[in-house]
Amino acid sequence: MEASMDVLAMRLKDSEKLPMDDYTNIDRAYNSRIIDERIKYALEEANGLRNRLVHGYNGINETVALESMKSLFPLFEAYIERMRQWLKELI
């Protein structure tokens, strides 16, 4: 998750948008059409899951966490492809 947010911040900076906190960056990337609604959802969900796991909010149900991660994998593949296209444009 951290690497995904770092890449998104770099992408925003490349678009001359000052990176901010993770959720703001996700919103700005969506509003700038850098990511679509599905990827926005995945990044928000994964960021929230990361926070719950790291900080132990409301206890952790490992089965639910694992299922949540599995459901986000296809959307992260789409995000990775989107960022790969951006990097190819830079070369």
PDB file of N, CA and C in Angstrom:
ATOM      1  N   MET A   1       0.819  -1.183   0.000  1.00  0.00           N
ATOM      2  CA  MET A   1       0.000   0.000   0.000  1.00  0.00           C
ATOM      3  C   MET A   1       0.866   1.252   0.000  1.00  0.00           C
ATOM      4  N   GLU A   2       1.896   1.236   0.819  1.00  0.00           N
ATOM      5  CA  GLU A   2       2.757   2.421   0.903  1.00  0.00           C
ATOM      6  C   GLU A   2       3.390   2.742  -0.448  1.00  0.00           C
ATOM      7  N   ALA A   3       3.866   1.720  -1.137  1.00  0.00           N
ATOM      8  CA  ALA A   3       4.479   1.943  -2.448  1.00  0.00           C
ATOM      9  C   ALA A   3       3.450   2.484  -3.440  1.00  0.00           C
ATOM     10  N   SER A   4       2.227   1.984  -3.369  1.00  0.00           N
ATOM     11  CA  SER A   4       1.162   2.468  -4.258  1.00  0.00           C
ATOM     12  C   SER A   4       0.897   3.947  -4.035  1.00  0.00           C
ATOM     13  N   MET A   5       0.873   4.343  -2.781  1.00  0.00           N
ATOM     14  CA  MET A   5       0.629   5.747  -2.462  1.00  0.00           C
ATOM     15  C   MET A   5       1.817   6.620  -2.868  1.00  0.00           C
ATOM     16  N   ASP A   6       3.025   6.088  -2.731  1.00  0.00           N
ATOM     17  CA  ASP A   6       4.211   6.839  -3.157  1.00  0.00           C
ATOM     18  C   ASP A   6       4.198   7.065  -4.663  1.00  0.00           C
ATOM     19  N   VAL A   7       3.854   6.031  -5.417  1.00  0.00           N
ATOM     20  CA  VAL A   7       3.794   6.161  -6.879  1.00  0.00           C
ATOM     21  C   VAL A   7       2.704   7.153  -7.270  1.00  0.00           C
ATOM     22  N   LEU A   8       1.571   7.098  -6.598  1.00  0.00           N
ATOM     23  CA  LEU A   8       0.488   8.036  -6.899  1.00  0.00           C
ATOM     24  C   LEU A   8       0.926   9.470  -6.613  1.00  0.00           C
ATOM     25  N   ALA A   9       1.646   9.674  -5.519  1.00  0.00           N
ATOM     26  CA  ALA A   9       2.154  11.013  -5.194  1.00  0.00           C
ATOM     27  C   ALA A   9       3.118  11.497  -6.279  1.00  0.00           C
ATOM     28  N   MET A  10       3.977  10.607  -6.772  1.00  0.00           N
ATOM     29  CA  MET A  10       4.896  10.977  -7.855  1.00  0.00           C
ATOM     30  C   MET A  10       4.129  11.322  -9.122  1.00  0.00           C
ATOM     31  N   ARG A  11       3.064  10.565  -9.389  1.00  0.00           N
ATOM     32  CA  ARG A  11       2.249  10.824 -10.584  1.00  0.00           C
ATOM     33  C   ARG A  11       1.572  12.186 -10.482  1.00  0.00           C
ATOM     34  N   LEU A  12       1.070  12.511  -9.305  1.00  0.00           N
ATOM     35  CA  LEU A  12       0.454  13.823  -9.110  1.00  0.00           C
ATOM     36  C   LEU A  12       1.486  14.930  -9.292  1.00  0.00           C
ATOM     37  N   LYS A  13       2.655  14.741  -8.708  1.00  0.00           N
ATOM     38  CA  LYS A  13       3.704  15.749  -8.836  1.00  0.00           C
ATOM     39  C   LYS A  13       4.079  15.940 -10.295  1.00  0.00           C
ATOM     40  N   ASP A  14       4.131  14.848 -11.054  1.00  0.00           N
ATOM     41  CA  ASP A  14       4.430  14.924 -12.477  1.00  0.00           C
ATOM     42  C   ASP A  14       3.361  15.720 -13.223  1.00  0.00           C
ATOM     43  N   SER A  15       2.150  15.737 -12.685  1.00  0.00           N
ATOM     44  CA  SER A  15       1.045  16.510 -13.264  1.00  0.00           C
ATOM     45  C   SER A  15       0.977  17.912 -12.679  1.00  0.00           C
ATOM     46  N   GLU A  16       2.045  18.298 -11.981  1.00  0.00           N
ATOM     47  CA  GLU A  16       2.157  19.618 -11.354  1.00  0.00           C
ATOM     48  C   GLU A  16       1.098  19.849 -10.285  1.00  0.00           C
ATOM     49  N   LYS A  17       0.756  18.770  -9.582  1.00  0.00           N
ATOM     50  CA  LYS A  17      -0.158  18.863  -8.447  1.00  0.00           C
ATOM     51  C   LYS A  17       0.635  18.478  -7.210  1.00  0.00           C
ATOM     52  N   LEU A  18       0.614  19.323  -6.213  1.00  0.00           N
ATOM     53  CA  LEU A  18       1.367  19.077  -4.994  1.00  0.00           C
ATOM     54  C   LEU A  18       0.768  17.896  -4.240  1.00  0.00           C
ATOM     55  N   PRO A  19       1.557  16.841  -4.002  1.00  0.00           N
ATOM     56  CA  PRO A  19       1.041  15.699  -3.238  1.00  0.00           C
ATOM     57  C   PRO A  19       0.679  16.105  -1.811  1.00  0.00           C
ATOM     58  N   MET A  20      -0.345  15.463  -1.281  1.00  0.00           N
ATOM     59  CA  MET A  20      -0.803  15.736   0.080  1.00  0.00           C
ATOM     60  C   MET A  20      -0.954  14.404   0.807  1.00  0.00           C
ATOM     61  N   ASP A  21      -1.954  14.280   1.676  1.00  0.00           N
ATOM     62  CA  ASP A  21      -2.176  13.015   2.376  1.00  0.00           C
ATOM     63  C   ASP A  21      -2.779  11.988   1.412  1.00  0.00           C
ATOM     64  N   ASP A  22      -2.749  10.721   1.812  1.00  0.00           N
ATOM     65  CA  ASP A  22      -3.171   9.635   0.921  1.00  0.00           C
ATOM     66  C   ASP A  22      -4.577   9.822   0.369  1.00  0.00           C
ATOM     67  N   TYR A  23      -5.545  10.088   1.238  1.00  0.00           N
ATOM     68  CA  TYR A  23      -6.934  10.189   0.767  1.00  0.00           C
ATOM     69  C   TYR A  23      -7.130  11.394  -0.153  1.00  0.00           C
ATOM     70  N   THR A  24      -6.471  12.497   0.146  1.00  0.00           N
ATOM     71  CA  THR A  24      -6.548  13.665  -0.728  1.00  0.00           C
ATOM     72  C   THR A  24      -5.904  13.357  -2.072  1.00  0.00           C
ATOM     73  N   ASN A  25      -4.768  12.662  -2.045  1.00  0.00           N
ATOM     74  CA  ASN A  25      -4.109  12.282  -3.298  1.00  0.00           C
ATOM     75  C   ASN A  25      -5.001  11.384  -4.147  1.00  0.00           C
ATOM     76  N   ILE A  26      -5.689  10.456  -3.507  1.00  0.00           N
ATOM     77  CA  ILE A  26      -6.601   9.575  -4.243  1.00  0.00           C
ATOM     78  C   ILE A  26      -7.707  10.403  -4.894  1.00  0.00           C
ATOM     79  N   ASP A  27      -8.309  11.312  -4.137  1.00  0.00           N
ATOM     80  CA  ASP A  27      -9.368  12.173  -4.685  1.00  0.00           C
ATOM     81  C   ASP A  27      -8.846  13.029  -5.837  1.00  0.00           C
ATOM     82  N   ARG A  28      -7.679  13.613  -5.651  1.00  0.00           N
ATOM     83  CA  ARG A  28      -7.120  14.481  -6.689  1.00  0.00           C
ATOM     84  C   ARG A  28      -6.785  13.686  -7.951  1.00  0.00           C
ATOM     85  N   ALA A  29      -6.277  12.471  -7.771  1.00  0.00           N
ATOM     86  CA  ALA A  29      -5.964  11.628  -8.929  1.00  0.00           C
ATOM     87  C   ALA A  29      -7.242  11.255  -9.675  1.00  0.00           C
ATOM     88  N   TYR A  30      -8.296  10.968  -8.931  1.00  0.00           N
ATOM     89  CA  TYR A  30      -9.579  10.641  -9.560  1.00  0.00           C
ATOM     90  C   TYR A  30     -10.138  11.866 -10.291  1.00  0.00           C
ATOM     91  N   ASN A  31     -10.143  13.008  -9.633  1.00  0.00           N
ATOM     92  CA  ASN A  31     -10.677  14.228 -10.242  1.00  0.00           C
ATOM     93  C   ASN A  31      -9.867  14.668 -11.457  1.00  0.00           C
ATOM     94  N   SER A  32      -8.593  14.291 -11.494  1.00  0.00           N
ATOM     95  CA  SER A  32      -7.724  14.619 -12.631  1.00  0.00           C
ATOM     96  C   SER A  32      -7.737  13.530 -13.701  1.00  0.00           C
ATOM     97  N   ARG A  33      -8.561  12.514 -13.491  1.00  0.00           N
ATOM     98  CA  ARG A  33      -8.698  11.385 -14.424  1.00  0.00           C
ATOM     99  C   ARG A  33      -7.415  10.573 -14.576  1.00  0.00           C
ATOM    100  N   ILE A  34      -6.597  10.581 -13.540  1.00  0.00           N
ATOM    101  CA  ILE A  34      -5.404   9.736 -13.513  1.00  0.00           C
ATOM    102  C   ILE A  34      -5.818   8.306 -13.196  1.00  0.00           C
ATOM    103  N   ILE A  35      -6.814   8.172 -12.335  1.00  0.00           N
ATOM    104  CA  ILE A  35      -7.367   6.861 -11.992  1.00  0.00           C
ATOM    105  C   ILE A  35      -8.875   6.905 -12.201  1.00  0.00           C
ATOM    106  N   ASP A  36      -9.465   5.738 -12.414  1.00  0.00           N
ATOM    107  CA  ASP A  36     -10.915   5.679 -12.580  1.00  0.00           C
ATOM    108  C   ASP A  36     -11.585   5.357 -11.239  1.00  0.00           C
ATOM    109  N   GLU A  37     -12.890   5.288 -11.254  1.00  0.00           N
ATOM    110  CA  GLU A  37     -13.657   5.087 -10.021  1.00  0.00           C
ATOM    111  C   GLU A  37     -13.341   3.747  -9.351  1.00  0.00           C
ATOM    112  N   ARG A  38     -13.113   2.713 -10.159  1.00  0.00           N
ATOM    113  CA  ARG A  38     -12.799   1.393  -9.582  1.00  0.00           C
ATOM    114  C   ARG A  38     -11.470   1.419  -8.832  1.00  0.00           C
ATOM    115  N   ILE A  39     -10.470   2.064  -9.445  1.00  0.00           N
ATOM    116  CA  ILE A  39      -9.159   2.151  -8.803  1.00  0.00           C
ATOM    117  C   ILE A  39      -9.233   3.050  -7.578  1.00  0.00           C
ATOM    118  N   LYS A  40      -9.996   4.125  -7.666  1.00  0.00           N
ATOM    119  CA  LYS A  40     -10.190   5.008  -6.508  1.00  0.00           C
ATOM    120  C   LYS A  40     -10.746   4.208  -5.334  1.00  0.00           C
ATOM    121  N   TYR A  41     -11.758   3.413  -5.599  1.00  0.00           N
ATOM    122  CA  TYR A  41     -12.364   2.581  -4.563  1.00  0.00           C
ATOM    123  C   TYR A  41     -11.325   1.632  -3.960  1.00  0.00           C
ATOM    124  N   ALA A  42     -10.555   0.969  -4.825  1.00  0.00           N
ATOM    125  CA  ALA A  42      -9.558   0.002  -4.345  1.00  0.00           C
ATOM    126  C   ALA A  42      -8.510   0.671  -3.473  1.00  0.00           C
ATOM    127  N   LEU A  43      -8.028   1.832  -3.895  1.00  0.00           N
ATOM    128  CA  LEU A  43      -7.007   2.526  -3.111  1.00  0.00           C
ATOM    129  C   LEU A  43      -7.558   2.989  -1.765  1.00  0.00           C
ATOM    130  N   GLU A  44      -8.779   3.491  -1.764  1.00  0.00           N
ATOM    131  CA  GLU A  44      -9.389   3.917  -0.494  1.00  0.00           C
ATOM    132  C   GLU A  44      -9.595   2.731   0.441  1.00  0.00           C
ATOM    133  N   GLU A  45     -10.115   1.642  -0.101  1.00  0.00           N
ATOM    134  CA  GLU A  45     -10.351   0.449   0.720  1.00  0.00           C
ATOM    135  C   GLU A  45      -9.041  -0.125   1.253  1.00  0.00           C
ATOM    136  N   ALA A  46      -8.045  -0.225   0.394  1.00  0.00           N
ATOM    137  CA  ALA A  46      -6.758  -0.781   0.810  1.00  0.00           C
ATOM    138  C   ALA A  46      -6.080   0.113   1.840  1.00  0.00           C
ATOM    139  N   ASN A  47      -6.193   1.418   1.664  1.00  0.00           N
ATOM    140  CA  ASN A  47      -5.599   2.343   2.632  1.00  0.00           C
ATOM    141  C   ASN A  47      -6.294   2.211   3.985  1.00  0.00           C
ATOM    142  N   GLY A  48      -7.604   2.089   3.979  1.00  0.00           N
ATOM    143  CA  GLY A  48      -8.344   1.895   5.225  1.00  0.00           C
ATOM    144  C   GLY A  48      -7.996   0.570   5.884  1.00  0.00           C
ATOM    145  N   LEU A  49      -7.875  -0.480   5.086  1.00  0.00           N
ATOM    146  CA  LEU A  49      -7.498  -1.790   5.613  1.00  0.00           C
ATOM    147  C   LEU A  49      -6.103  -1.736   6.209  1.00  0.00           C
ATOM    148  N   ARG A  50      -5.206  -1.087   5.514  1.00  0.00           N
ATOM    149  CA  ARG A  50      -3.846  -0.927   6.030  1.00  0.00           C
ATOM    150  C   ARG A  50      -3.861  -0.240   7.387  1.00  0.00           C
ATOM    151  N   ASN A  51      -4.634   0.833   7.508  1.00  0.00           N
ATOM    152  CA  ASN A  51      -4.714   1.556   8.781  1.00  0.00           C
ATOM    153  C   ASN A  51      -5.287   0.677   9.885  1.00  0.00           C
ATOM    154  N   ARG A  52      -6.319  -0.091   9.559  1.00  0.00           N
ATOM    155  CA  ARG A  52      -6.906  -0.979  10.570  1.00  0.00           C
ATOM    156  C   ARG A  52      -5.915  -2.045  11.011  1.00  0.00           C
ATOM    157  N   LEU A  53      -5.160  -2.592  10.067  1.00  0.00           N
ATOM    158  CA  LEU A  53      -4.182  -3.630  10.404  1.00  0.00           C
ATOM    159  C   LEU A  53      -3.021  -3.066  11.226  1.00  0.00           C
ATOM    160  N   VAL A  54      -2.503  -1.931  10.807  1.00  0.00           N
ATOM    161  CA  VAL A  54      -1.346  -1.346  11.484  1.00  0.00           C
ATOM    162  C   VAL A  54      -1.699  -0.850  12.877  1.00  0.00           C
ATOM    163  N   HIS A  55      -2.856  -0.215  12.997  1.00  0.00           N
ATOM    164  CA  HIS A  55      -3.225   0.395  14.272  1.00  0.00           C
ATOM    165  C   HIS A  55      -4.152  -0.475  15.113  1.00  0.00           C
ATOM    166  N   GLY A  56      -4.611  -1.578  14.552  1.00  0.00           N
ATOM    167  CA  GLY A  56      -5.458  -2.500  15.304  1.00  0.00           C
ATOM    168  C   GLY A  56      -6.814  -1.937  15.678  1.00  0.00           C
ATOM    169  N   TYR A  57      -7.353  -1.047  14.841  1.00  0.00           N
ATOM    170  CA  TYR A  57      -8.665  -0.463  15.126  1.00  0.00           C
ATOM    171  C   TYR A  57      -9.720  -1.557  15.250  1.00  0.00           C
ATOM    172  N   ASN A  58     -10.489  -1.534  16.315  1.00  0.00           N
ATOM    173  CA  ASN A  58     -11.619  -2.444  16.537  1.00  0.00           C
ATOM    174  C   ASN A  58     -11.239  -3.921  16.443  1.00  0.00           C
ATOM    175  N   GLY A  59     -10.012  -4.247  16.747  1.00  0.00           N
ATOM    176  CA  GLY A  59      -9.586  -5.640  16.635  1.00  0.00           C
ATOM    177  C   GLY A  59      -9.426  -6.022  15.178  1.00  0.00           C
ATOM    178  N   ILE A  60      -8.851  -7.164  14.928  1.00  0.00           N
ATOM    179  CA  ILE A  60      -8.603  -7.585  13.553  1.00  0.00           C
ATOM    180  C   ILE A  60      -9.172  -8.981  13.340  1.00  0.00           C
ATOM    181  N   ASN A  61     -10.039  -9.106  12.360  1.00  0.00           N
ATOM    182  CA  ASN A  61     -10.540 -10.406  11.940  1.00  0.00           C
ATOM    183  C   ASN A  61      -9.700 -10.804  10.730  1.00  0.00           C
ATOM    184  N   GLU A  62      -8.774 -11.723  10.934  1.00  0.00           N
ATOM    185  CA  GLU A  62      -7.825 -12.078   9.884  1.00  0.00           C
ATOM    186  C   GLU A  62      -8.502 -12.640   8.638  1.00  0.00           C
ATOM    187  N   THR A  63      -9.570 -13.389   8.818  1.00  0.00           N
ATOM    188  CA  THR A  63     -10.279 -13.961   7.672  1.00  0.00           C
ATOM    189  C   THR A  63     -10.895 -12.859   6.821  1.00  0.00           C
ATOM    190  N   VAL A  64     -11.534 -11.906   7.469  1.00  0.00           N
ATOM    191  CA  VAL A  64     -12.147 -10.790   6.746  1.00  0.00           C
ATOM    192  C   VAL A  64     -11.070  -9.955   6.062  1.00  0.00           C
ATOM    193  N   ALA A  65      -9.966  -9.714   6.757  1.00  0.00           N
ATOM    194  CA  ALA A  65      -8.872  -8.934   6.172  1.00  0.00           C
ATOM    195  C   ALA A  65      -8.321  -9.625   4.927  1.00  0.00           C
ATOM    196  N   LEU A  66      -8.112 -10.924   5.012  1.00  0.00           N
ATOM    197  CA  LEU A  66      -7.581 -11.675   3.874  1.00  0.00           C
ATOM    198  C   LEU A  66      -8.551 -11.655   2.696  1.00  0.00           C
ATOM    199  N   GLU A  67      -9.828 -11.835   2.960  1.00  0.00           N
ATOM    200  CA  GLU A  67     -10.828 -11.794   1.885  1.00  0.00           C
ATOM    201  C   GLU A  67     -10.889 -10.402   1.254  1.00  0.00           C
ATOM    202  N   SER A  68     -10.769  -9.374   2.070  1.00  0.00           N
ATOM    203  CA  SER A  68     -10.754  -8.006   1.545  1.00  0.00           C
ATOM    204  C   SER A  68      -9.564  -7.801   0.624  1.00  0.00           C
ATOM    205  N   MET A  69      -8.402  -8.280   1.054  1.00  0.00           N
ATOM    206  CA  MET A  69      -7.199  -8.150   0.224  1.00  0.00           C
ATOM    207  C   MET A  69      -7.377  -8.878  -1.102  1.00  0.00           C
ATOM    208  N   LYS A  70      -7.881 -10.094  -1.042  1.00  0.00           N
ATOM    209  CA  LYS A  70      -8.079 -10.884  -2.263  1.00  0.00           C
ATOM    210  C   LYS A  70      -9.023 -10.179  -3.236  1.00  0.00           C
ATOM    211  N   SER A  71     -10.063  -9.561  -2.704  1.00  0.00           N
ATOM    212  CA  SER A  71     -11.032  -8.898  -3.580  1.00  0.00           C
ATOM    213  C   SER A  71     -10.443  -7.661  -4.255  1.00  0.00           C
ATOM    214  N   LEU A  72      -9.408  -7.082  -3.654  1.00  0.00           N
ATOM    215  CA  LEU A  72      -8.801  -5.873  -4.210  1.00  0.00           C
ATOM    216  C   LEU A  72      -7.704  -6.165  -5.235  1.00  0.00           C
ATOM    217  N   PHE A  73      -7.185  -7.388  -5.263  1.00  0.00           N
ATOM    218  CA  PHE A  73      -6.082  -7.717  -6.168  1.00  0.00           C
ATOM    219  C   PHE A  73      -6.355  -7.353  -7.626  1.00  0.00           C
ATOM    220  N   PRO A  74      -7.503  -7.721  -8.207  1.00  0.00           N
ATOM    221  CA  PRO A  74      -7.735  -7.371  -9.616  1.00  0.00           C
ATOM    222  C   PRO A  74      -7.723  -5.858  -9.861  1.00  0.00           C
ATOM    223  N   LEU A  75      -8.218  -5.106  -8.909  1.00  0.00           N
ATOM    224  CA  LEU A  75      -8.229  -3.654  -9.062  1.00  0.00           C
ATOM    225  C   LEU A  75      -6.819  -3.082  -8.947  1.00  0.00           C
ATOM    226  N   PHE A  76      -6.000  -3.692  -8.104  1.00  0.00           N
ATOM    227  CA  PHE A  76      -4.611  -3.249  -8.007  1.00  0.00           C
ATOM    228  C   PHE A  76      -3.840  -3.592  -9.274  1.00  0.00           C
ATOM    229  N   GLU A  77      -4.188  -4.686  -9.912  1.00  0.00           N
ATOM    230  CA  GLU A  77      -3.563  -5.004 -11.196  1.00  0.00           C
ATOM    231  C   GLU A  77      -3.885  -3.919 -12.219  1.00  0.00           C
ATOM    232  N   ALA A  78      -5.111  -3.420 -12.204  1.00  0.00           N
ATOM    233  CA  ALA A  78      -5.495  -2.330 -13.103  1.00  0.00           C
ATOM    234  C   ALA A  78      -4.719  -1.057 -12.763  1.00  0.00           C
ATOM    235  N   TYR A  79      -4.547  -0.792 -11.480  1.00  0.00           N
ATOM    236  CA  TYR A  79      -3.781   0.381 -11.038  1.00  0.00           C
ATOM    237  C   TYR A  79      -2.325   0.264 -11.493  1.00  0.00           C
ATOM    238  N   ILE A  80      -1.736  -0.902 -11.302  1.00  0.00           N
ATOM    239  CA  ILE A  80      -0.346  -1.119 -11.709  1.00  0.00           C
ATOM    240  C   ILE A  80      -0.199  -0.902 -13.209  1.00  0.00           C
ATOM    241  N   GLU A  81      -1.145  -1.399 -13.973  1.00  0.00           N
ATOM    242  CA  GLU A  81      -1.090  -1.210 -15.424  1.00  0.00           C
ATOM    243  C   GLU A  81      -1.198   0.271 -15.785  1.00  0.00           C
ATOM    244  N   ARG A  82      -2.068   0.992 -15.102  1.00  0.00           N
ATOM    245  CA  ARG A  82      -2.214   2.431 -15.364  1.00  0.00           C
ATOM    246  C   ARG A  82      -0.903   3.162 -15.087  1.00  0.00           C
ATOM    247  N   MET A  83      -0.251   2.835 -13.978  1.00  0.00           N
ATOM    248  CA  MET A  83       1.011   3.481 -13.626  1.00  0.00           C
ATOM    249  C   MET A  83       2.130   3.037 -14.569  1.00  0.00           C
ATOM    250  N   ARG A  84       2.092   1.798 -15.028  1.00  0.00           N
ATOM    251  CA  ARG A  84       3.081   1.303 -15.993  1.00  0.00           C
ATOM    252  C   ARG A  84       2.980   2.102 -17.292  1.00  0.00           C
ATOM    253  N   GLN A  85       1.763   2.382 -17.737  1.00  0.00           N
ATOM    254  CA  GLN A  85       1.571   3.177 -18.952  1.00  0.00           C
ATOM    255  C   GLN A  85       2.159   4.569 -18.780  1.00  0.00           C
ATOM    256  N   TRP A  86       1.933   5.168 -17.623  1.00  0.00           N
ATOM    257  CA  TRP A  86       2.486   6.496 -17.337  1.00  0.00           C
ATOM    258  C   TRP A  86       4.011   6.455 -17.407  1.00  0.00           C
ATOM    259  N   LEU A  87       4.622   5.451 -16.792  1.00  0.00           N
ATOM    260  CA  LEU A  87       6.081   5.346 -16.801  1.00  0.00           C
ATOM    261  C   LEU A  87       6.624   5.153 -18.211  1.00  0.00           C
ATOM    262  N   LYS A  88       5.921   4.389 -19.031  1.00  0.00           N
ATOM    263  CA  LYS A  88       6.357   4.195 -20.417  1.00  0.00           C
ATOM    264  C   LYS A  88       6.335   5.513 -21.180  1.00  0.00           C
ATOM    265  N   GLU A  89       5.359   6.357 -20.886  1.00  0.00           N
ATOM    266  CA  GLU A  89       5.270   7.661 -21.546  1.00  0.00           C
ATOM    267  C   GLU A  89       6.447   8.554 -21.181  1.00  0.00           C
ATOM    268  N   LEU A  90       7.008   8.344 -19.994  1.00  0.00           N
ATOM    269  CA  LEU A  90       8.129   9.168 -19.544  1.00  0.00           C
ATOM    270  C   LEU A  90       9.448   8.799 -20.209  1.00  0.00           C
ATOM    271  N   ILE A  91       9.519   7.569 -20.682  1.00  0.00           N
ATOM    272  CA  ILE A  91      10.797   7.088 -21.235  1.00  0.00           C
ATOM    273  C   ILE A  91      10.960   7.517 -22.672  1.00  0.00           C
TER     274      ILE A  91
END
